[in-house]
């Protein structure tokens, strides 16, 4: 059982994290395309403590399209194409604005009370069955996650997502498409970690217009597994 001193120490730590997080949010809110990445990287220890490794990596995945369009803008400037430079800068700023909103929404994680575990038997697709530890209200989510990705080779899907990302990045024409590239990068990272739930979550929020563009390109490059995934599980 925790004594009063331990409780005070935990409260002090929480207050300290809240202050650091508020300071980081304010600094990132004011960040520009020139310094946003340094601000994000300098807060690595804080963010790992507050949101965990997976969500921190998700934030970095969202940086991919920003870096891409900054680089494209520089190339355009060197070639004297001011219109293309301005276009790429605008897209990068739009994606950065979306990232700022995500960071503004970060909150300290609250510890969840332990719930009793139960053995349940899952029967999926005839012969597949097994005992799974399910904790209280988490039963529905655990079973859903098992069923959603049944039969999907996530490592192969990650390869096709990487192939798609490389194919569509040079053709990004607006902010929605740039954001879609970031979502594809998020899904790719999640697929490599074999986290099917996060793969679906990243792809499901892509708008219909950018989604159709993404699906069309996936068909053109022969990413059959990805095409099937997008059509059956994302409704594109």
Foldseek 3Di string as FASTA:
>chain_A
DDDPVVVVVVVVVVVVLVVVLVVLLVVLVPDDLVCNVVSLVVCVVSCCQFPNDLVSVLLVLLCVLLVLLCVQLVVCVVVVNNVSNVQSRVLSVLSSVVSSVVSVPGDGDDDDDFADWDWDWDDPPHPDIDTDTAGPPRPVVVVVQCVLCVPAQLLLVLVLLVVLLVVCSVVDRHNLLSSLSSLSSSLSVCSVVVRVVRNLVSNLPRDPVSLVVSLVSSVVVVVVSNNVCCCPRNVD
